Amino acid sequence: MSRKPQKGYFVRGQFVAEGSELDEQLQREQRGDAPSKTELKAHSAELQALGEQLLELRADLRDPLELPARLLEGLDELARIKNFEGRRRQGQFVGKLMRQLDEAQIAAIRAALDTQRRGSAADTLRLHATENWRQRLLEGDAALTDWAQQHPATDLQQLRALVRQARKDSPATEPAGQAPRHARAYRELFQWIRAALDAADEAPPPADDHPI
């Protein structure tokens, strides 16, 4: 026996079954009705999670938001609470305070959190690049030539001295299970490379001597 085809319709290429939750949502939108309980619950949970993320936001990004005093106090209390049930209740309270913000304030919070996430990713990439250069410089002099070509403004005499000292101070083999003890020159080389890479990023682009 063949199955009876399901009644429904297509919206932007998507099949919507009659009587489904999506069908009811689309009908409410057409009528201009208020959102359903499910939608309100999902929105509340999203705002609560967004509010809790403010605990991890750097002060230089959070202060310009000028958040309400009650919300800041609620976040401070949430940070102090350690037990699960207490944090759950306080998190709900933070979510309630978040629902009192307007759309512009919510958008500003999202933008600040996004800025911090992008900054963290960039920092991680910079650390990897610094470690990679240090390893290459310690392994052979060919890396010095590559560095000089990519960073012509570098004080190569200082870099060579740091590399030589770091090679001499290479950690001796440690007993199994123990991390090697790195000497000061090894750490100084890392800091020098990191500073040089940061300075290269901040330097203005070269002027065009032959404008069209």
N, C-alpha and C. Protein backbone atom coordinates (compact mmCIF):
# COMPACT_ATOMS: atom_id res chain seq x y z
N MET A 1 0.85 -1.19 0.00
CA MET A 1 0.00 0.00 0.00
C MET A 1 0.89 1.25 0.00
N SER A 2 0.62 2.15 -0.93
CA SER A 2 1.44 3.36 -1.02
C SER A 2 1.09 4.32 0.11
N ARG A 3 2.12 5.04 0.58
CA ARG A 3 1.92 6.00 1.66
C ARG A 3 1.21 7.23 1.14
N LYS A 4 0.33 7.78 1.97
CA LYS A 4 -0.38 8.99 1.60
C LYS A 4 0.59 10.17 1.68
N PRO A 5 0.69 10.93 0.60
CA PRO A 5 1.65 12.05 0.62
C PRO A 5 1.32 13.05 1.72
N GLN A 6 2.36 13.55 2.38
CA GLN A 6 2.18 14.51 3.46
C GLN A 6 1.81 15.87 2.89
N LYS A 7 0.82 16.48 3.52
CA LYS A 7 0.39 17.79 3.06
C LYS A 7 1.37 18.85 3.54
N GLY A 8 1.57 19.82 2.71
CA GLY A 8 2.48 20.90 3.08
C GLY A 8 2.75 21.82 1.92
N TYR A 9 3.82 22.59 2.02
CA TYR A 9 4.15 23.57 1.00
C TYR A 9 5.64 23.88 1.11
N PHE A 10 6.16 24.57 0.12
CA PHE A 10 7.58 24.90 0.09
C PHE A 10 7.76 26.39 0.36
N VAL A 11 8.78 26.69 1.17
CA VAL A 11 9.17 28.08 1.45
C VAL A 11 10.67 28.19 1.24
N ARG A 12 11.06 28.99 0.27
CA ARG A 12 12.49 29.16 -0.06
C ARG A 12 13.18 27.80 -0.27
N GLY A 13 12.46 26.91 -0.98
CA GLY A 13 13.04 25.62 -1.31
C GLY A 13 12.95 24.57 -0.22
N GLN A 14 12.39 24.92 0.94
CA GLN A 14 12.27 23.99 2.07
C GLN A 14 10.83 23.55 2.21
N PHE A 15 10.61 22.22 2.35
CA PHE A 15 9.27 21.71 2.52
C PHE A 15 8.80 21.93 3.95
N VAL A 16 7.61 22.48 4.11
CA VAL A 16 7.03 22.75 5.42
C VAL A 16 5.75 21.93 5.55
N ALA A 17 5.76 20.97 6.46
CA ALA A 17 4.59 20.11 6.65
C ALA A 17 3.51 20.86 7.39
N GLU A 18 2.24 20.66 6.97
CA GLU A 18 1.13 21.32 7.64
C GLU A 18 1.02 20.81 9.08
N GLY A 19 0.86 21.75 10.01
CA GLY A 19 0.73 21.37 11.41
C GLY A 19 2.05 21.25 12.14
N SER A 20 3.17 21.36 11.41
CA SER A 20 4.48 21.25 12.06
C SER A 20 4.79 22.53 12.83
N GLU A 21 5.83 22.46 13.67
CA GLU A 21 6.23 23.63 14.45
C GLU A 21 6.65 24.76 13.53
N LEU A 22 7.36 24.42 12.43
CA LEU A 22 7.78 25.45 11.49
C LEU A 22 6.58 26.09 10.81
N ASP A 23 5.58 25.27 10.49
CA ASP A 23 4.36 25.79 9.86
C ASP A 23 3.66 26.78 10.80
N GLU A 24 3.56 26.42 12.08
CA GLU A 24 2.92 27.30 13.06
C GLU A 24 3.70 28.60 13.22
N GLN A 25 5.05 28.49 13.21
CA GLN A 25 5.89 29.69 13.35
C GLN A 25 5.69 30.63 12.16
N LEU A 26 5.66 30.06 10.95
CA LEU A 26 5.48 30.89 9.76
C LEU A 26 4.11 31.56 9.76
N GLN A 27 3.10 30.83 10.22
CA GLN A 27 1.76 31.42 10.27
C GLN A 27 1.70 32.55 11.30
N ARG A 28 2.38 32.38 12.43
CA ARG A 28 2.41 33.44 13.43
C ARG A 28 3.10 34.68 12.88
N GLU A 29 4.19 34.46 12.12
CA GLU A 29 4.90 35.59 11.54
C GLU A 29 4.01 36.36 10.56
N GLN A 30 3.23 35.60 9.79
CA GLN A 30 2.34 36.25 8.83
C GLN A 30 1.25 37.05 9.53
N ARG A 31 0.76 36.52 10.67
CA ARG A 31 -0.29 37.21 11.41
C ARG A 31 0.27 38.30 12.32
N GLY A 32 1.61 38.29 12.53
CA GLY A 32 2.20 39.27 13.44
C GLY A 32 1.97 38.91 14.88
N ASP A 33 1.79 37.59 15.17
CA ASP A 33 1.55 37.16 16.54
C ASP A 33 2.83 37.22 17.37
N ALA A 34 2.67 37.14 18.68
CA ALA A 34 3.81 37.10 19.59
C ALA A 34 4.53 35.77 19.44
N PRO A 35 5.82 35.71 19.76
CA PRO A 35 6.58 34.45 19.66
C PRO A 35 6.02 33.39 20.59
N SER A 36 6.26 32.12 20.24
CA SER A 36 5.75 31.01 21.04
C SER A 36 6.57 30.86 22.31
N LYS A 37 6.06 30.01 23.22
CA LYS A 37 6.78 29.75 24.46
C LYS A 37 8.13 29.12 24.18
N THR A 38 8.17 28.24 23.18
CA THR A 38 9.44 27.59 22.83
C THR A 38 10.46 28.61 22.36
N GLU A 39 10.02 29.55 21.53
CA GLU A 39 10.92 30.59 21.02
C GLU A 39 11.39 31.51 22.14
N LEU A 40 10.47 31.86 23.04
CA LEU A 40 10.84 32.71 24.17
C LEU A 40 11.85 32.02 25.07
N LYS A 41 11.64 30.72 25.30
CA LYS A 41 12.56 29.96 26.15
C LYS A 41 13.95 29.89 25.53
N ALA A 42 14.00 29.65 24.21
CA ALA A 42 15.29 29.58 23.52
C ALA A 42 16.00 30.93 23.55
N HIS A 43 15.22 32.00 23.39
CA HIS A 43 15.81 33.35 23.41
C HIS A 43 16.36 33.67 24.80
N SER A 44 15.62 33.27 25.83
CA SER A 44 16.07 33.52 27.20
C SER A 44 17.35 32.77 27.51
N ALA A 45 17.41 31.50 27.05
CA ALA A 45 18.61 30.70 27.27
C ALA A 45 19.81 31.30 26.55
N GLU A 46 19.59 31.82 25.36
CA GLU A 46 20.68 32.44 24.60
C GLU A 46 21.21 33.69 25.31
N LEU A 47 20.29 34.51 25.82
CA LEU A 47 20.72 35.72 26.52
C LEU A 47 21.42 35.39 27.83
N GLN A 48 20.97 34.33 28.52
CA GLN A 48 21.65 33.94 29.75
C GLN A 48 23.08 33.49 29.46
N ALA A 49 23.24 32.68 28.40
CA ALA A 49 24.59 32.24 28.03
C ALA A 49 25.46 33.42 27.64
N LEU A 50 24.86 34.38 26.93
CA LEU A 50 25.61 35.58 26.53
C LEU A 50 26.04 36.37 27.76
N GLY A 51 25.14 36.48 28.74
CA GLY A 51 25.48 37.19 29.97
C GLY A 51 26.60 36.52 30.73
N GLU A 52 26.57 35.19 30.80
CA GLU A 52 27.62 34.47 31.52
C GLU A 52 28.97 34.62 30.83
N GLN A 53 28.96 34.79 29.50
CA GLN A 53 30.22 35.00 28.78
C GLN A 53 30.87 36.33 29.15
N LEU A 54 30.07 37.26 29.67
CA LEU A 54 30.63 38.55 30.08
C LEU A 54 31.66 38.39 31.19
N LEU A 55 31.59 37.28 31.94
CA LEU A 55 32.57 37.03 33.00
C LEU A 55 33.98 36.91 32.44
N GLU A 56 34.08 36.44 31.19
CA GLU A 56 35.39 36.23 30.57
C GLU A 56 35.84 37.42 29.73
N LEU A 57 34.98 38.44 29.63
CA LEU A 57 35.33 39.59 28.78
C LEU A 57 36.34 40.50 29.47
N ARG A 58 37.38 40.90 28.74
CA ARG A 58 38.40 41.77 29.30
C ARG A 58 37.80 43.10 29.73
N ALA A 59 38.40 43.69 30.77
CA ALA A 59 37.88 44.95 31.31
C ALA A 59 37.89 46.06 30.27
N ASP A 60 38.93 46.11 29.41
CA ASP A 60 39.01 47.18 28.43
C ASP A 60 37.93 47.08 27.36
N LEU A 61 37.32 45.90 27.23
CA LEU A 61 36.21 45.73 26.31
C LEU A 61 34.86 45.83 27.02
N ARG A 62 34.84 45.48 28.30
CA ARG A 62 33.57 45.50 29.03
C ARG A 62 33.21 46.90 29.53
N ASP A 63 34.20 47.65 29.99
CA ASP A 63 33.92 48.97 30.56
C ASP A 63 33.20 49.91 29.58
N PRO A 64 33.61 49.97 28.30
CA PRO A 64 32.92 50.89 27.37
C PRO A 64 31.46 50.53 27.13
N LEU A 65 31.05 49.30 27.48
CA LEU A 65 29.67 48.90 27.26
C LEU A 65 28.71 49.63 28.20
N GLU A 66 29.25 50.13 29.34
CA GLU A 66 28.44 50.84 30.33
C GLU A 66 27.21 50.02 30.72
N LEU A 67 27.45 48.80 31.17
CA LEU A 67 26.38 47.90 31.57
C LEU A 67 25.70 48.41 32.84
N PRO A 68 24.41 48.11 33.01
CA PRO A 68 23.70 48.54 34.22
C PRO A 68 24.37 48.01 35.48
N ALA A 69 24.29 48.79 36.55
CA ALA A 69 24.94 48.42 37.80
C ALA A 69 24.42 47.08 38.33
N ARG A 70 23.10 46.84 38.20
CA ARG A 70 22.55 45.58 38.70
C ARG A 70 23.12 44.38 37.97
N LEU A 71 23.33 44.53 36.67
CA LEU A 71 23.90 43.43 35.90
C LEU A 71 25.34 43.18 36.31
N LEU A 72 26.10 44.24 36.51
CA LEU A 72 27.49 44.09 36.94
C LEU A 72 27.56 43.43 38.32
N GLU A 73 26.66 43.82 39.22
CA GLU A 73 26.62 43.20 40.54
C GLU A 73 26.23 41.72 40.44
N GLY A 74 25.29 41.43 39.54
CA GLY A 74 24.88 40.04 39.34
C GLY A 74 26.02 39.19 38.81
N LEU A 75 26.82 39.75 37.91
CA LEU A 75 27.97 39.02 37.36
C LEU A 75 29.03 38.81 38.43
N ASP A 76 29.27 39.82 39.25
CA ASP A 76 30.24 39.67 40.34
C ASP A 76 29.82 38.56 41.30
N GLU A 77 28.53 38.52 41.61
CA GLU A 77 28.02 37.47 42.50
C GLU A 77 28.15 36.10 41.85
N LEU A 78 27.86 36.03 40.56
CA LEU A 78 27.99 34.76 39.84
C LEU A 78 29.43 34.26 39.87
N ALA A 79 30.38 35.18 39.75
CA ALA A 79 31.80 34.79 39.78
C ALA A 79 32.20 34.26 41.15
N ARG A 80 31.54 34.74 42.21
CA ARG A 80 31.91 34.32 43.56
C ARG A 80 31.31 32.96 43.93
N ILE A 81 30.14 32.64 43.38
CA ILE A 81 29.43 31.41 43.77
C ILE A 81 30.13 30.19 43.19
N LYS A 82 30.33 29.18 44.00
CA LYS A 82 31.05 27.98 43.57
C LYS A 82 30.16 26.76 43.42
N ASN A 83 29.11 26.62 44.26
CA ASN A 83 28.30 25.41 44.18
C ASN A 83 27.37 25.45 42.97
N PHE A 84 27.05 24.27 42.44
CA PHE A 84 26.33 24.14 41.18
C PHE A 84 24.96 24.79 41.23
N GLU A 85 24.16 24.45 42.26
CA GLU A 85 22.80 24.96 42.32
C GLU A 85 22.78 26.47 42.48
N GLY A 86 23.69 27.00 43.30
CA GLY A 86 23.76 28.44 43.47
C GLY A 86 24.11 29.15 42.17
N ARG A 87 25.06 28.59 41.43
CA ARG A 87 25.45 29.18 40.14
C ARG A 87 24.30 29.10 39.14
N ARG A 88 23.55 28.00 39.19
CA ARG A 88 22.43 27.86 38.26
C ARG A 88 21.38 28.94 38.51
N ARG A 89 21.03 29.16 39.77
CA ARG A 89 20.03 30.18 40.09
C ARG A 89 20.54 31.58 39.76
N GLN A 90 21.83 31.84 40.08
CA GLN A 90 22.38 33.17 39.79
C GLN A 90 22.49 33.39 38.29
N GLY A 91 22.79 32.33 37.55
CA GLY A 91 22.84 32.44 36.10
C GLY A 91 21.49 32.81 35.52
N GLN A 92 20.43 32.24 36.08
CA GLN A 92 19.08 32.59 35.64
C GLN A 92 18.77 34.05 35.94
N PHE A 93 19.26 34.53 37.08
CA PHE A 93 19.05 35.94 37.43
C PHE A 93 19.79 36.85 36.45
N VAL A 94 21.01 36.47 36.09
CA VAL A 94 21.76 37.24 35.09
C VAL A 94 21.01 37.25 33.77
N GLY A 95 20.43 36.10 33.40
CA GLY A 95 19.64 36.04 32.17
C GLY A 95 18.44 36.97 32.21
N LYS A 96 17.80 37.06 33.37
CA LYS A 96 16.66 37.97 33.54
C LYS A 96 17.09 39.42 33.33
N LEU A 97 18.25 39.78 33.90
CA LEU A 97 18.76 41.14 33.73
C LEU A 97 19.16 41.41 32.28
N MET A 98 19.66 40.39 31.60
CA MET A 98 20.04 40.56 30.19
C MET A 98 18.81 40.84 29.34
N ARG A 99 17.68 40.27 29.70
CA ARG A 99 16.45 40.48 28.91
C ARG A 99 15.93 41.90 29.03
N GLN A 100 16.43 42.63 30.01
CA GLN A 100 16.01 44.02 30.19
C GLN A 100 16.81 44.98 29.31
N LEU A 101 17.87 44.49 28.67
CA LEU A 101 18.68 45.34 27.79
C LEU A 101 18.00 45.51 26.45
N ASP A 102 18.29 46.62 25.77
CA ASP A 102 17.71 46.81 24.44
C ASP A 102 18.60 46.14 23.39
N GLU A 103 18.12 46.14 22.16
CA GLU A 103 18.81 45.43 21.08
C GLU A 103 20.19 46.02 20.82
N ALA A 104 20.32 47.33 20.94
CA ALA A 104 21.62 47.97 20.70
C ALA A 104 22.65 47.52 21.73
N GLN A 105 22.24 47.39 22.99
CA GLN A 105 23.16 46.93 24.04
C GLN A 105 23.57 45.48 23.82
N ILE A 106 22.61 44.64 23.42
CA ILE A 106 22.91 43.24 23.14
C ILE A 106 23.90 43.13 21.97
N ALA A 107 23.66 43.93 20.93
CA ALA A 107 24.55 43.91 19.77
C ALA A 107 25.96 44.36 20.17
N ALA A 108 26.06 45.35 21.05
CA ALA A 108 27.38 45.83 21.50
C ALA A 108 28.11 44.74 22.29
N ILE A 109 27.37 43.98 23.10
CA ILE A 109 27.98 42.89 23.86
C ILE A 109 28.50 41.82 22.92
N ARG A 110 27.70 41.46 21.93
CA ARG A 110 28.14 40.44 20.96
C ARG A 110 29.40 40.90 20.23
N ALA A 111 29.43 42.18 19.85
CA ALA A 111 30.59 42.71 19.12
C ALA A 111 31.84 42.67 20.00
N ALA A 112 31.70 43.01 21.28
CA ALA A 112 32.85 43.00 22.19
C ALA A 112 33.38 41.59 22.38
N LEU A 113 32.49 40.63 22.54
CA LEU A 113 32.91 39.23 22.70
C LEU A 113 33.58 38.72 21.43
N ASP A 114 33.06 39.13 20.28
CA ASP A 114 33.66 38.72 19.01
C ASP A 114 35.05 39.32 18.86
N THR A 115 35.21 40.57 19.27
CA THR A 115 36.53 41.21 19.21
C THR A 115 37.54 40.46 20.07
N GLN A 116 37.12 40.05 21.26
CA GLN A 116 38.03 39.30 22.14
C GLN A 116 38.39 37.95 21.54
N ARG A 117 37.41 37.26 20.95
CA ARG A 117 37.69 35.95 20.36
C ARG A 117 38.68 36.07 19.21
N ARG A 118 38.49 37.09 18.37
CA ARG A 118 39.42 37.27 17.24
C ARG A 118 40.81 37.63 17.72
N GLY A 119 40.88 38.43 18.80
CA GLY A 119 42.18 38.78 19.36
C GLY A 119 42.90 37.58 19.94
N SER A 120 42.17 36.69 20.61
CA SER A 120 42.77 35.50 21.19
C SER A 120 43.32 34.59 20.11
N ALA A 121 42.58 34.47 19.01
CA ALA A 121 43.05 33.63 17.90
C ALA A 121 44.33 34.20 17.30
N ALA A 122 44.39 35.53 17.17
CA ALA A 122 45.58 36.16 16.61
C ALA A 122 46.78 35.97 17.53
N ASP A 123 46.56 36.06 18.84
CA ASP A 123 47.65 35.85 19.80
C ASP A 123 48.21 34.43 19.70
N THR A 124 47.30 33.46 19.53
CA THR A 124 47.74 32.07 19.42
C THR A 124 48.59 31.86 18.17
N LEU A 125 48.17 32.45 17.05
CA LEU A 125 48.94 32.34 15.82
C LEU A 125 50.31 32.99 15.97
N ARG A 126 50.37 34.14 16.66
CA ARG A 126 51.63 34.83 16.85
C ARG A 126 52.58 33.99 17.70
N LEU A 127 52.07 33.35 18.74
CA LEU A 127 52.91 32.49 19.59
C LEU A 127 53.48 31.33 18.79
N HIS A 128 52.64 30.73 17.93
CA HIS A 128 53.11 29.62 17.10
C HIS A 128 54.20 30.09 16.14
N ALA A 129 53.99 31.26 15.54
CA ALA A 129 54.98 31.79 14.59
C ALA A 129 56.29 32.09 15.30
N THR A 130 56.22 32.64 16.50
CA THR A 130 57.43 32.94 17.27
C THR A 130 58.19 31.68 17.62
N GLU A 131 57.49 30.67 18.08
CA GLU A 131 58.13 29.40 18.45
C GLU A 131 58.76 28.73 17.23
N ASN A 132 58.08 28.82 16.09
CA ASN A 132 58.60 28.23 14.86
C ASN A 132 59.91 28.91 14.43
N TRP A 133 59.95 30.26 14.51
CA TRP A 133 61.17 30.98 14.15
C TRP A 133 62.30 30.64 15.11
N ARG A 134 62.02 30.57 16.40
CA ARG A 134 63.08 30.24 17.36
C ARG A 134 63.66 28.87 17.06
N GLN A 135 62.79 27.91 16.78
CA GLN A 135 63.28 26.56 16.50
C GLN A 135 64.14 26.54 15.26
N ARG A 136 63.71 27.24 14.22
CA ARG A 136 64.49 27.28 12.97
C ARG A 136 65.84 27.95 13.17
N LEU A 137 65.85 29.06 13.91
CA LEU A 137 67.10 29.79 14.14
C LEU A 137 68.09 28.96 14.95
N LEU A 138 67.60 28.16 15.86
CA LEU A 138 68.49 27.33 16.66
C LEU A 138 69.02 26.14 15.87
N GLU A 139 68.29 25.71 14.86
CA GLU A 139 68.68 24.53 14.11
C GLU A 139 69.72 24.81 13.04
N GLY A 140 69.79 26.03 12.51
CA GLY A 140 70.76 26.29 11.46
C GLY A 140 70.81 27.73 11.03
N ASP A 141 71.96 28.11 10.39
CA ASP A 141 72.16 29.51 9.99
C ASP A 141 71.34 29.91 8.78
N ALA A 142 70.81 28.93 8.06
CA ALA A 142 69.99 29.27 6.89
C ALA A 142 68.78 30.10 7.30
N ALA A 143 68.28 29.84 8.50
CA ALA A 143 67.11 30.59 8.98
C ALA A 143 67.45 32.07 9.18
N LEU A 144 68.71 32.37 9.51
CA LEU A 144 69.12 33.77 9.67
C LEU A 144 68.98 34.52 8.35
N THR A 145 69.36 33.86 7.26
CA THR A 145 69.22 34.49 5.94
C THR A 145 67.76 34.73 5.61
N ASP A 146 66.91 33.73 5.90
CA ASP A 146 65.47 33.88 5.63
C ASP A 146 64.90 35.04 6.46
N TRP A 147 65.30 35.11 7.72
CA TRP A 147 64.81 36.18 8.58
C TRP A 147 65.24 37.55 8.04
N ALA A 148 66.51 37.67 7.66
CA ALA A 148 67.03 38.94 7.16
C ALA A 148 66.29 39.38 5.91
N GLN A 149 65.90 38.43 5.05
CA GLN A 149 65.18 38.78 3.83
C GLN A 149 63.76 39.27 4.14
N GLN A 150 63.13 38.65 5.14
CA GLN A 150 61.75 39.01 5.48
C GLN A 150 61.69 40.24 6.39
N HIS A 151 62.77 40.47 7.15
CA HIS A 151 62.80 41.60 8.10
C HIS A 151 64.10 42.37 7.93
N PRO A 152 64.23 43.12 6.83
CA PRO A 152 65.51 43.79 6.51
C PRO A 152 65.93 44.84 7.54
N ALA A 153 65.02 45.34 8.36
CA ALA A 153 65.38 46.35 9.34
C ALA A 153 65.93 45.75 10.63
N THR A 154 66.06 44.44 10.66
CA THR A 154 66.52 43.77 11.88
C THR A 154 67.98 44.07 12.20
N ASP A 155 68.29 44.17 13.48
CA ASP A 155 69.68 44.25 13.95
C ASP A 155 70.23 42.83 13.95
N LEU A 156 70.84 42.43 12.83
CA LEU A 156 71.30 41.05 12.68
C LEU A 156 72.42 40.69 13.64
N GLN A 157 73.24 41.66 13.98
CA GLN A 157 74.33 41.39 14.92
C GLN A 157 73.77 40.97 16.28
N GLN A 158 72.75 41.67 16.73
CA GLN A 158 72.13 41.32 18.00
C GLN A 158 71.45 39.96 17.91
N LEU A 159 70.75 39.70 16.79
CA LEU A 159 70.07 38.42 16.63
C LEU A 159 71.07 37.27 16.61
N ARG A 160 72.19 37.42 15.88
CA ARG A 160 73.20 36.36 15.84
C ARG A 160 73.76 36.07 17.23
N ALA A 161 74.00 37.15 18.00
CA ALA A 161 74.52 36.96 19.35
C ALA A 161 73.53 36.19 20.23
N LEU A 162 72.26 36.51 20.10
CA LEU A 162 71.24 35.81 20.88
C LEU A 162 71.15 34.35 20.49
N VAL A 163 71.22 34.09 19.19
CA VAL A 163 71.13 32.71 18.70
C VAL A 163 72.32 31.90 19.18
N ARG A 164 73.53 32.47 19.07
CA ARG A 164 74.73 31.76 19.52
C ARG A 164 74.64 31.41 21.00
N GLN A 165 74.21 32.37 21.81
CA GLN A 165 74.12 32.13 23.24
C GLN A 165 73.04 31.10 23.57
N ALA A 166 71.91 31.18 22.84
CA ALA A 166 70.84 30.22 23.08
C ALA A 166 71.27 28.81 22.70
N ARG A 167 72.10 28.68 21.64
CA ARG A 167 72.60 27.36 21.27
C ARG A 167 73.53 26.81 22.34
N LYS A 168 74.39 27.69 22.89
CA LYS A 168 75.31 27.24 23.94
C LYS A 168 74.54 26.82 25.20
N ASP A 169 73.44 27.53 25.45
CA ASP A 169 72.68 27.27 26.66
C ASP A 169 71.58 26.23 26.47
N SER A 170 71.64 25.50 25.35
CA SER A 170 70.61 24.50 25.11
C SER A 170 70.53 23.56 26.30
N PRO A 171 69.33 23.21 26.76
CA PRO A 171 69.18 22.38 27.96
C PRO A 171 69.77 21.00 27.79
N ALA A 172 70.42 20.54 28.83
CA ALA A 172 70.94 19.19 28.80
C ALA A 172 69.79 18.20 28.93
N THR A 173 70.05 16.96 28.58
CA THR A 173 69.02 15.94 28.66
C THR A 173 68.60 15.72 30.10
N GLU A 174 67.29 15.79 30.34
CA GLU A 174 66.77 15.61 31.69
C GLU A 174 66.29 14.18 31.88
N PRO A 175 66.17 13.72 33.11
CA PRO A 175 65.62 12.39 33.36
C PRO A 175 64.22 12.26 32.78
N ALA A 176 63.85 11.04 32.46
CA ALA A 176 62.53 10.79 31.87
C ALA A 176 61.43 11.36 32.76
N GLY A 177 60.46 12.00 32.10
CA GLY A 177 59.32 12.54 32.83
C GLY A 177 59.52 13.95 33.32
N GLN A 178 60.73 14.51 33.16
CA GLN A 178 60.98 15.87 33.61
C GLN A 178 61.19 16.80 32.41
N ALA A 179 60.61 17.99 32.50
CA ALA A 179 60.76 18.95 31.42
C ALA A 179 62.17 19.53 31.44
N PRO A 180 62.75 19.82 30.26
CA PRO A 180 64.10 20.41 30.22
C PRO A 180 64.11 21.80 30.81
N ARG A 181 65.22 22.16 31.44
CA ARG A 181 65.37 23.49 32.03
C ARG A 181 66.05 24.40 31.00
N HIS A 182 65.29 25.38 30.51
CA HIS A 182 65.81 26.28 29.49
C HIS A 182 66.54 27.45 30.14
N ALA A 183 67.68 27.80 29.57
CA ALA A 183 68.47 28.91 30.10
C ALA A 183 67.86 30.23 29.67
N ARG A 184 68.40 31.32 30.25
CA ARG A 184 67.82 32.64 30.02
C ARG A 184 67.89 33.05 28.56
N ALA A 185 68.99 32.75 27.87
CA ALA A 185 69.14 33.17 26.48
C ALA A 185 68.06 32.54 25.59
N TYR A 186 67.65 31.32 25.92
CA TYR A 186 66.60 30.63 25.16
C TYR A 186 65.29 31.40 25.27
N ARG A 187 64.98 31.88 26.48
CA ARG A 187 63.76 32.66 26.68
C ARG A 187 63.88 34.05 26.07
N GLU A 188 65.07 34.64 26.18
CA GLU A 188 65.27 35.98 25.63
C GLU A 188 65.13 35.98 24.10
N LEU A 189 65.56 34.90 23.46
CA LEU A 189 65.44 34.80 22.02
C LEU A 189 63.96 34.80 21.62
N PHE A 190 63.15 34.07 22.36
CA PHE A 190 61.71 34.03 22.10
C PHE A 190 61.11 35.44 22.23
N GLN A 191 61.46 36.13 23.30
CA GLN A 191 60.91 37.47 23.54
C GLN A 191 61.35 38.45 22.46
N TRP A 192 62.61 38.30 22.01
CA TRP A 192 63.14 39.18 20.97
C TRP A 192 62.38 38.95 19.66
N ILE A 193 62.17 37.69 19.30
CA ILE A 193 61.44 37.38 18.06
C ILE A 193 60.01 37.90 18.13
N ARG A 194 59.37 37.68 19.27
CA ARG A 194 57.98 38.12 19.43
C ARG A 194 57.89 39.64 19.27
N ALA A 195 58.79 40.37 19.89
CA ALA A 195 58.78 41.83 19.79
C ALA A 195 59.02 42.28 18.35
N ALA A 196 59.93 41.59 17.65
CA ALA A 196 60.23 41.96 16.27
C ALA A 196 59.02 41.72 15.36
N LEU A 197 58.31 40.61 15.56
CA LEU A 197 57.12 40.33 14.76
C LEU A 197 56.01 41.33 15.05
N ASP A 198 55.85 41.70 16.32
CA ASP A 198 54.84 42.70 16.68
C ASP A 198 55.16 44.04 16.04
N ALA A 199 56.45 44.43 16.09
CA ALA A 199 56.86 45.72 15.51
C ALA A 199 56.65 45.73 14.00
N ALA A 200 56.89 44.59 13.36
CA ALA A 200 56.70 44.52 11.90
C ALA A 200 55.24 44.70 11.54
N ASP A 201 54.34 44.19 12.37
CA ASP A 201 52.91 44.34 12.09
C ASP A 201 52.45 45.78 12.28
N GLU A 202 53.08 46.47 13.24
CA GLU A 202 52.65 47.84 13.55
C GLU A 202 53.29 48.87 12.64
N ALA A 203 54.34 48.48 11.92
CA ALA A 203 55.05 49.44 11.06
C ALA A 203 54.15 49.87 9.90
N PRO A 204 54.18 51.15 9.52
CA PRO A 204 53.35 51.62 8.39
C PRO A 204 53.88 51.04 7.09
N PRO A 205 53.01 50.86 6.09
CA PRO A 205 53.46 50.34 4.80
C PRO A 205 54.42 51.31 4.13
N PRO A 206 55.34 50.81 3.31
CA PRO A 206 56.31 51.70 2.64
C PRO A 206 55.59 52.66 1.69
N ALA A 207 56.10 53.87 1.60
CA ALA A 207 55.49 54.87 0.73
C ALA A 207 55.73 54.50 -0.73
N ASP A 208 54.79 54.86 -1.58
CA ASP A 208 54.91 54.60 -3.02
C ASP A 208 55.70 55.73 -3.64
N ASP A 209 56.93 55.41 -4.08
CA ASP A 209 57.82 56.44 -4.66
C ASP A 209 57.42 56.82 -6.08
N HIS A 210 56.58 55.98 -6.71
CA HIS A 210 56.22 56.25 -8.09
C HIS A 210 54.71 56.17 -8.24
N PRO A 211 53.99 57.16 -7.71
CA PRO A 211 52.54 57.13 -7.83
C PRO A 211 52.11 57.24 -9.28
N ILE A 212 51.00 56.61 -9.57
CA ILE A 212 50.50 56.63 -10.95
C ILE A 212 49.74 57.93 -11.18
